[in-house]
Amino acid sequence: MRDESAPQERQFVRKGCFMGGVLERLQTAMYLTLTAAFLGVALSALVAVLVAAAPLKLLALIDRHA
């Protein structure tokens, strides 16, 4: 009986290791995706602030010269 159960246990361990590897890769991909999304949102916010501030700076320059 030991000979029959041993291959099943080994197969279970291999399958568990395989699933662990898949989940680890999935988690890494998720972290990379979330990091990229956060950087994209941060960059978009920075560009929006710079675009919104540009007319105000332009008006300030015009007022100085006038």
PDB file of N, CA and C in Angstrom:
ATOM      1  N   MET A   1       0.819  -1.198   0.000  1.00  0.00           N
ATOM      2  CA  MET A   1       0.000   0.000   0.000  1.00  0.00           C
ATOM      3  C   MET A   1       0.860   1.258   0.000  1.00  0.00           C
ATOM      4  N   ARG A   2       1.976   1.197   0.621  1.00  0.00           N
ATOM      5  CA  ARG A   2       2.835   2.379   0.616  1.00  0.00           C
ATOM      6  C   ARG A   2       3.276   2.735  -0.796  1.00  0.00           C
ATOM      7  N   ASP A   3       3.548   1.713  -1.594  1.00  0.00           N
ATOM      8  CA  ASP A   3       3.990   1.972  -2.959  1.00  0.00           C
ATOM      9  C   ASP A   3       2.891   2.639  -3.784  1.00  0.00           C
ATOM     10  N   GLU A   4       1.635   2.306  -3.505  1.00  0.00           N
ATOM     11  CA  GLU A   4       0.537   2.899  -4.263  1.00  0.00           C
ATOM     12  C   GLU A   4       0.245   4.327  -3.808  1.00  0.00           C
ATOM     13  N   SER A   5       0.365   4.618  -2.526  1.00  0.00           N
ATOM     14  CA  SER A   5       0.032   5.950  -2.035  1.00  0.00           C
ATOM     15  C   SER A   5       1.170   6.940  -2.251  1.00  0.00           C
ATOM     16  N   ALA A   6       2.377   6.455  -2.303  1.00  0.00           N
ATOM     17  CA  ALA A   6       3.519   7.357  -2.458  1.00  0.00           C
ATOM     18  C   ALA A   6       3.462   8.159  -3.758  1.00  0.00           C
ATOM     19  N   PRO A   7       3.178   7.534  -4.912  1.00  0.00           N
ATOM     20  CA  PRO A   7       3.112   8.347  -6.132  1.00  0.00           C
ATOM     21  C   PRO A   7       2.005   9.398  -6.079  1.00  0.00           C
ATOM     22  N   GLN A   8       0.890   9.060  -5.441  1.00  0.00           N
ATOM     23  CA  GLN A   8      -0.191  10.046  -5.335  1.00  0.00           C
ATOM     24  C   GLN A   8       0.241  11.223  -4.474  1.00  0.00           C
ATOM     25  N   GLU A   9       0.933  10.950  -3.392  1.00  0.00           N
ATOM     26  CA  GLU A   9       1.411  12.032  -2.540  1.00  0.00           C
ATOM     27  C   GLU A   9       2.416  12.897  -3.285  1.00  0.00           C
ATOM     28  N   ARG A  10       3.308  12.256  -4.012  1.00  0.00           N
ATOM     29  CA  ARG A  10       4.289  13.021  -4.782  1.00  0.00           C
ATOM     30  C   ARG A  10       3.593  13.872  -5.841  1.00  0.00           C
ATOM     31  N   GLN A  11       2.597  13.279  -6.482  1.00  0.00           N
ATOM     32  CA  GLN A  11       1.870  14.023  -7.505  1.00  0.00           C
ATOM     33  C   GLN A  11       1.156  15.220  -6.874  1.00  0.00           C
ATOM     34  N   PHE A  12       0.597  15.034  -5.697  1.00  0.00           N
ATOM     35  CA  PHE A  12      -0.077  16.129  -5.007  1.00  0.00           C
ATOM     36  C   PHE A  12       0.912  17.234  -4.659  1.00  0.00           C
ATOM     37  N   VAL A  13       2.088  16.842  -4.200  1.00  0.00           N
ATOM     38  CA  VAL A  13       3.102  17.840  -3.846  1.00  0.00           C
ATOM     39  C   VAL A  13       3.529  18.606  -5.086  1.00  0.00           C
ATOM     40  N   ARG A  14       3.739  17.906  -6.181  1.00  0.00           N
ATOM     41  CA  ARG A  14       4.129  18.588  -7.417  1.00  0.00           C
ATOM     42  C   ARG A  14       3.038  19.549  -7.873  1.00  0.00           C
ATOM     43  N   LYS A  15       1.792  19.098  -7.801  1.00  0.00           N
ATOM     44  CA  LYS A  15       0.690  19.958  -8.210  1.00  0.00           C
ATOM     45  C   LYS A  15       0.605  21.179  -7.295  1.00  0.00           C
ATOM     46  N   GLY A  16       0.812  20.983  -5.996  1.00  0.00           N
ATOM     47  CA  GLY A  16       0.797  22.103  -5.067  1.00  0.00           C
ATOM     48  C   GLY A  16       1.904  23.092  -5.354  1.00  0.00           C
ATOM     49  N   CYS A  17       3.080  22.598  -5.664  1.00  0.00           N
ATOM     50  CA  CYS A  17       4.193  23.487  -5.998  1.00  0.00           C
ATOM     51  C   CYS A  17       3.898  24.248  -7.282  1.00  0.00           C
ATOM     52  N   PHE A  18       3.299  23.549  -8.242  1.00  0.00           N
ATOM     53  CA  PHE A  18       2.956  24.198  -9.508  1.00  0.00           C
ATOM     54  C   PHE A  18       1.949  25.317  -9.281  1.00  0.00           C
ATOM     55  N   MET A  19       0.917  25.044  -8.487  1.00  0.00           N
ATOM     56  CA  MET A  19      -0.091  26.069  -8.219  1.00  0.00           C
ATOM     57  C   MET A  19       0.517  27.229  -7.446  1.00  0.00           C
ATOM     58  N   GLY A  20       1.439  26.917  -6.528  1.00  0.00           N
ATOM     59  CA  GLY A  20       2.107  27.988  -5.793  1.00  0.00           C
ATOM     60  C   GLY A  20       2.897  28.885  -6.726  1.00  0.00           C
ATOM     61  N   GLY A  21       3.564  28.280  -7.705  1.00  0.00           N
ATOM     62  CA  GLY A  21       4.314  29.067  -8.682  1.00  0.00           C
ATOM     63  C   GLY A  21       3.408  29.928  -9.535  1.00  0.00           C
ATOM     64  N   VAL A  22       2.268  29.364  -9.919  1.00  0.00           N
ATOM     65  CA  VAL A  22       1.314  30.123 -10.734  1.00  0.00           C
ATOM     66  C   VAL A  22       0.761  31.292  -9.933  1.00  0.00           C
ATOM     67  N   LEU A  23       0.398  31.032  -8.684  1.00  0.00           N
ATOM     68  CA  LEU A  23      -0.143  32.110  -7.851  1.00  0.00           C
ATOM     69  C   LEU A  23       0.906  33.176  -7.580  1.00  0.00           C
ATOM     70  N   GLU A  24       2.150  32.762  -7.421  1.00  0.00           N
ATOM     71  CA  GLU A  24       3.219  33.732  -7.185  1.00  0.00           C
ATOM     72  C   GLU A  24       3.416  34.621  -8.415  1.00  0.00           C
ATOM     73  N   ARG A  25       3.368  34.015  -9.591  1.00  0.00           N
ATOM     74  CA  ARG A  25       3.502  34.808 -10.820  1.00  0.00           C
ATOM     75  C   ARG A  25       2.306  35.724 -11.006  1.00  0.00           C
ATOM     76  N   LEU A  26       1.130  35.231 -10.681  1.00  0.00           N
ATOM     77  CA  LEU A  26      -0.072  36.050 -10.794  1.00  0.00           C
ATOM     78  C   LEU A  26      -0.005  37.235  -9.839  1.00  0.00           C
ATOM     79  N   GLN A  27       0.480  36.988  -8.633  1.00  0.00           N
ATOM     80  CA  GLN A  27       0.610  38.064  -7.657  1.00  0.00           C
ATOM     81  C   GLN A  27       1.634  39.097  -8.125  1.00  0.00           C
ATOM     82  N   THR A  28       2.745  38.632  -8.679  1.00  0.00           N
ATOM     83  CA  THR A  28       3.755  39.554  -9.192  1.00  0.00           C
ATOM     84  C   THR A  28       3.185  40.389 -10.332  1.00  0.00           C
ATOM     85  N   ALA A  29       2.448  39.756 -11.232  1.00  0.00           N
ATOM     86  CA  ALA A  29       1.835  40.486 -12.342  1.00  0.00           C
ATOM     87  C   ALA A  29       0.831  41.507 -11.829  1.00  0.00           C
ATOM     88  N   MET A  30       0.091  41.144 -10.789  1.00  0.00           N
ATOM     89  CA  MET A  30      -0.881  42.071 -10.221  1.00  0.00           C
ATOM     90  C   MET A  30      -0.179  43.284  -9.608  1.00  0.00           C
ATOM     91  N   TYR A  31       0.908  43.039  -8.873  1.00  0.00           N
ATOM     92  CA  TYR A  31       1.649  44.154  -8.284  1.00  0.00           C
ATOM     93  C   TYR A  31       2.232  45.066  -9.359  1.00  0.00           C
ATOM     94  N   LEU A  32       2.766  44.480 -10.424  1.00  0.00           N
ATOM     95  CA  LEU A  32       3.311  45.298 -11.508  1.00  0.00           C
ATOM     96  C   LEU A  32       2.216  46.116 -12.181  1.00  0.00           C
ATOM     97  N   THR A  33       1.049  45.514 -12.375  1.00  0.00           N
ATOM     98  CA  THR A  33      -0.065  46.224 -12.997  1.00  0.00           C
ATOM     99  C   THR A  33      -0.540  47.370 -12.118  1.00  0.00           C
ATOM    100  N   LEU A  34      -0.671  47.109 -10.826  1.00  0.00           N
ATOM    101  CA  LEU A  34      -1.111  48.167  -9.914  1.00  0.00           C
ATOM    102  C   LEU A  34      -0.084  49.287  -9.825  1.00  0.00           C
ATOM    103  N   THR A  35       1.198  48.939  -9.836  1.00  0.00           N
ATOM    104  CA  THR A  35       2.247  49.958  -9.798  1.00  0.00           C
ATOM    105  C   THR A  35       2.198  50.815 -11.055  1.00  0.00           C
ATOM    106  N   ALA A  36       2.042  50.177 -12.209  1.00  0.00           N
ATOM    107  CA  ALA A  36       1.954  50.923 -13.466  1.00  0.00           C
ATOM    108  C   ALA A  36       0.718  51.820 -13.479  1.00  0.00           C
ATOM    109  N   ALA A  37      -0.392  51.316 -12.975  1.00  0.00           N
ATOM    110  CA  ALA A  37      -1.616  52.123 -12.930  1.00  0.00           C
ATOM    111  C   ALA A  37      -1.440  53.323 -12.004  1.00  0.00           C
ATOM    112  N   PHE A  38      -0.819  53.110 -10.851  1.00  0.00           N
ATOM    113  CA  PHE A  38      -0.595  54.209  -9.913  1.00  0.00           C
ATOM    114  C   PHE A  38       0.320  55.265 -10.526  1.00  0.00           C
ATOM    115  N   LEU A  39       1.396  54.819 -11.179  1.00  0.00           N
ATOM    116  CA  LEU A  39       2.302  55.777 -11.814  1.00  0.00           C
ATOM    117  C   LEU A  39       1.598  56.534 -12.936  1.00  0.00           C
ATOM    118  N   GLY A  40       0.732  55.859 -13.669  1.00  0.00           N
ATOM    119  CA  GLY A  40      -0.024  56.528 -14.722  1.00  0.00           C
ATOM    120  C   GLY A  40      -0.958  57.591 -14.170  1.00  0.00           C
ATOM    121  N   VAL A  41      -1.639  57.273 -13.092  1.00  0.00           N
ATOM    122  CA  VAL A  41      -2.548  58.247 -12.472  1.00  0.00           C
ATOM    123  C   VAL A  41      -1.755  59.424 -11.903  1.00  0.00           C
ATOM    124  N   ALA A  42      -0.626  59.139 -11.263  1.00  0.00           N
ATOM    125  CA  ALA A  42       0.200  60.209 -10.693  1.00  0.00           C
ATOM    126  C   ALA A  42       0.735  61.118 -11.795  1.00  0.00           C
ATOM    127  N   LEU A  43       1.182  60.532 -12.889  1.00  0.00           N
ATOM    128  CA  LEU A  43       1.693  61.333 -14.000  1.00  0.00           C
ATOM    129  C   LEU A  43       0.582  62.163 -14.631  1.00  0.00           C
ATOM    130  N   SER A  44      -0.596  61.586 -14.764  1.00  0.00           N
ATOM    131  CA  SER A  44      -1.730  62.331 -15.319  1.00  0.00           C
ATOM    132  C   SER A  44      -2.102  63.510 -14.421  1.00  0.00           C
ATOM    133  N   ALA A  45      -2.079  63.292 -13.120  1.00  0.00           N
ATOM    134  CA  ALA A  45      -2.391  64.380 -12.189  1.00  0.00           C
ATOM    135  C   ALA A  45      -1.344  65.484 -12.279  1.00  0.00           C
ATOM    136  N   LEU A  46      -0.085  65.100 -12.402  1.00  0.00           N
ATOM    137  CA  LEU A  46       0.981  66.098 -12.524  1.00  0.00           C
ATOM    138  C   LEU A  46       0.818  66.916 -13.797  1.00  0.00           C
ATOM    139  N   VAL A  47       0.520  66.261 -14.893  1.00  0.00           N
ATOM    140  CA  VAL A  47       0.313  66.970 -16.161  1.00  0.00           C
ATOM    141  C   VAL A  47      -0.902  67.882 -16.060  1.00  0.00           C
ATOM    142  N   ALA A  48      -1.964  67.422 -15.417  1.00  0.00           N
ATOM    143  CA  ALA A  48      -3.165  68.252 -15.268  1.00  0.00           C
ATOM    144  C   ALA A  48      -2.870  69.506 -14.450  1.00  0.00           C
ATOM    145  N   VAL A  49      -2.083  69.360 -13.400  1.00  0.00           N
ATOM    146  CA  VAL A  49      -1.727  70.521 -12.574  1.00  0.00           C
ATOM    147  C   VAL A  49      -0.869  71.492 -13.372  1.00  0.00           C
ATOM    148  N   LEU A  50       0.090  70.969 -14.123  1.00  0.00           N
ATOM    149  CA  LEU A  50       0.950  71.850 -14.918  1.00  0.00           C
ATOM    150  C   LEU A  50       0.167  72.561 -16.014  1.00  0.00           C
ATOM    151  N   VAL A  51      -0.755  71.863 -16.646  1.00  0.00           N
ATOM    152  CA  VAL A  51      -1.567  72.484 -17.697  1.00  0.00           C
ATOM    153  C   VAL A  51      -2.494  73.537 -17.101  1.00  0.00           C
ATOM    154  N   ALA A  52      -3.047  73.268 -15.932  1.00  0.00           N
ATOM    155  CA  ALA A  52      -3.943  74.237 -15.292  1.00  0.00           C
ATOM    156  C   ALA A  52      -3.168  75.457 -14.797  1.00  0.00           C
ATOM    157  N   ALA A  53      -1.914  75.270 -14.401  1.00  0.00           N
ATOM    158  CA  ALA A  53      -1.130  76.382 -13.867  1.00  0.00           C
ATOM    159  C   ALA A  53      -0.519  77.239 -14.972  1.00  0.00           C
ATOM    160  N   ALA A  54      -0.406  76.718 -16.176  1.00  0.00           N
ATOM    161  CA  ALA A  54       0.243  77.455 -17.263  1.00  0.00           C
ATOM    162  C   ALA A  54      -0.459  78.780 -17.582  1.00  0.00           C
ATOM    163  N   PRO A  55      -1.781  78.830 -17.728  1.00  0.00           N
ATOM    164  CA  PRO A  55      -2.418  80.127 -18.012  1.00  0.00           C
ATOM    165  C   PRO A  55      -2.223  81.141 -16.883  1.00  0.00           C
ATOM    166  N   LEU A  56      -2.205  80.670 -15.648  1.00  0.00           N
ATOM    167  CA  LEU A  56      -1.995  81.598 -14.532  1.00  0.00           C
ATOM    168  C   LEU A  56      -0.598  82.203 -14.580  1.00  0.00           C
ATOM    169  N   LYS A  57       0.390  81.387 -14.908  1.00  0.00           N
ATOM    170  CA  LYS A  57       1.752  81.911 -15.034  1.00  0.00           C
ATOM    171  C   LYS A  57       1.845  82.888 -16.201  1.00  0.00           C
ATOM    172  N   LEU A  58       1.139  82.576 -17.272  1.00  0.00           N
ATOM    173  CA  LEU A  58       1.141  83.460 -18.435  1.00  0.00           C
ATOM    174  C   LEU A  58       0.505  84.801 -18.085  1.00  0.00           C
ATOM    175  N   LEU A  59      -0.595  84.773 -17.348  1.00  0.00           N
ATOM    176  CA  LEU A  59      -1.234  86.026 -16.922  1.00  0.00           C
ATOM    177  C   LEU A  59      -0.322  86.822 -16.000  1.00  0.00           C
ATOM    178  N   ALA A  60       0.402  86.148 -15.134  1.00  0.00           N
ATOM    179  CA  ALA A  60       1.322  86.840 -14.238  1.00  0.00           C
ATOM    180  C   ALA A  60       2.443  87.505 -15.032  1.00  0.00           C
ATOM    181  N   LEU A  61       2.939  86.857 -16.060  1.00  0.00           N
ATOM    182  CA  LEU A  61       3.979  87.465 -16.897  1.00  0.00           C
ATOM    183  C   LEU A  61       3.444  88.673 -17.653  1.00  0.00           C
ATOM    184  N   ILE A  62       2.211  88.581 -18.133  1.00  0.00           N
ATOM    185  CA  ILE A  62       1.615  89.709 -18.858  1.00  0.00           C
ATOM    186  C   ILE A  62       1.427  90.891 -17.917  1.00  0.00           C
ATOM    187  N   ASP A  63       0.984  90.634 -16.687  1.00  0.00           N
ATOM    188  CA  ASP A  63       0.779  91.715 -15.721  1.00  0.00           C
ATOM    189  C   ASP A  63       2.095  92.382 -15.347  1.00  0.00           C
ATOM    190  N   ARG A  64       3.169  91.639 -15.276  1.00  0.00           N
ATOM    191  CA  ARG A  64       4.468  92.231 -14.933  1.00  0.00           C
ATOM    192  C   ARG A  64       4.943  93.181 -16.023  1.00  0.00           C
ATOM    193  N   HIS A  65       4.719  92.803 -17.272  1.00  0.00           N
ATOM    194  CA  HIS A  65       5.194  93.645 -18.373  1.00  0.00           C
ATOM    195  C   HIS A  65       4.298  94.855 -18.590  1.00  0.00           C
ATOM    196  N   ALA A  66       3.093  94.822 -18.135  1.00  0.00           N
ATOM    197  CA  ALA A  66       2.163  95.928 -18.374  1.00  0.00           C
ATOM    198  C   ALA A  66       2.346  97.057 -17.388  1.00  0.00           C
TER     199      ALA A  66
END
